[in-house]
């Protein structure tokens, strides 16, 4: 049923309602003499008819409003207006976390990244040094070829050493450092001679 058919059915129904109300009230009106003129419709009848007409107008307006098609342009305009009314939430600037290293006790180190803190024991620190050393060995740029000025280090006197001969004649020398742990070095035969001469002639 289209809009015009709905309005027509609505008006017909209201008209029938008004006629029924008028007929019912006409039966209840007492007879009046002829000289008084034509009978006047009671006030409640007029009010009922006016109310019915008001209902018709409001209902018709509601039907028209509900059935009014909205074009794509109007829909886009309404969506833009609703988006403009909503406040734009801008993301907060991202702050890069910083690394802080502290030593609260002799055998403990704490590492703080952002708001997360981790306490490391000596065995965990040794594992971390090993992993970092293995990763750094394959990174660029390489370690500086010469001793950098102002370099701070801890030397190990008379370290424990282990030597192993390789199948190609090289020598694997592993030395135990108190901070770095076991540090391996591989020497070819000519470098072994150079190392011997350096140690004996120094």
Foldseek 3Di string as FASTA:
>chain_A
DDLVVVLVVLVVVLVVVLVVVVVVVVVVDDDDDVVVDDDDDDPVSVVVNVVSVVVSVVVSVVSCVVPPDDDPVNVVVVVVVVVVVDDDDDDDDDDAWDWDWDDPDPQWIWIDTHHDIDIDGPVRLLVVLVVVVVVLCPDPPHDDPDDDPPDDDDFDPPWDWDWDADPVGKIWIWTQGPRNGTDIDIGHPVVVVVVVCVVVVD
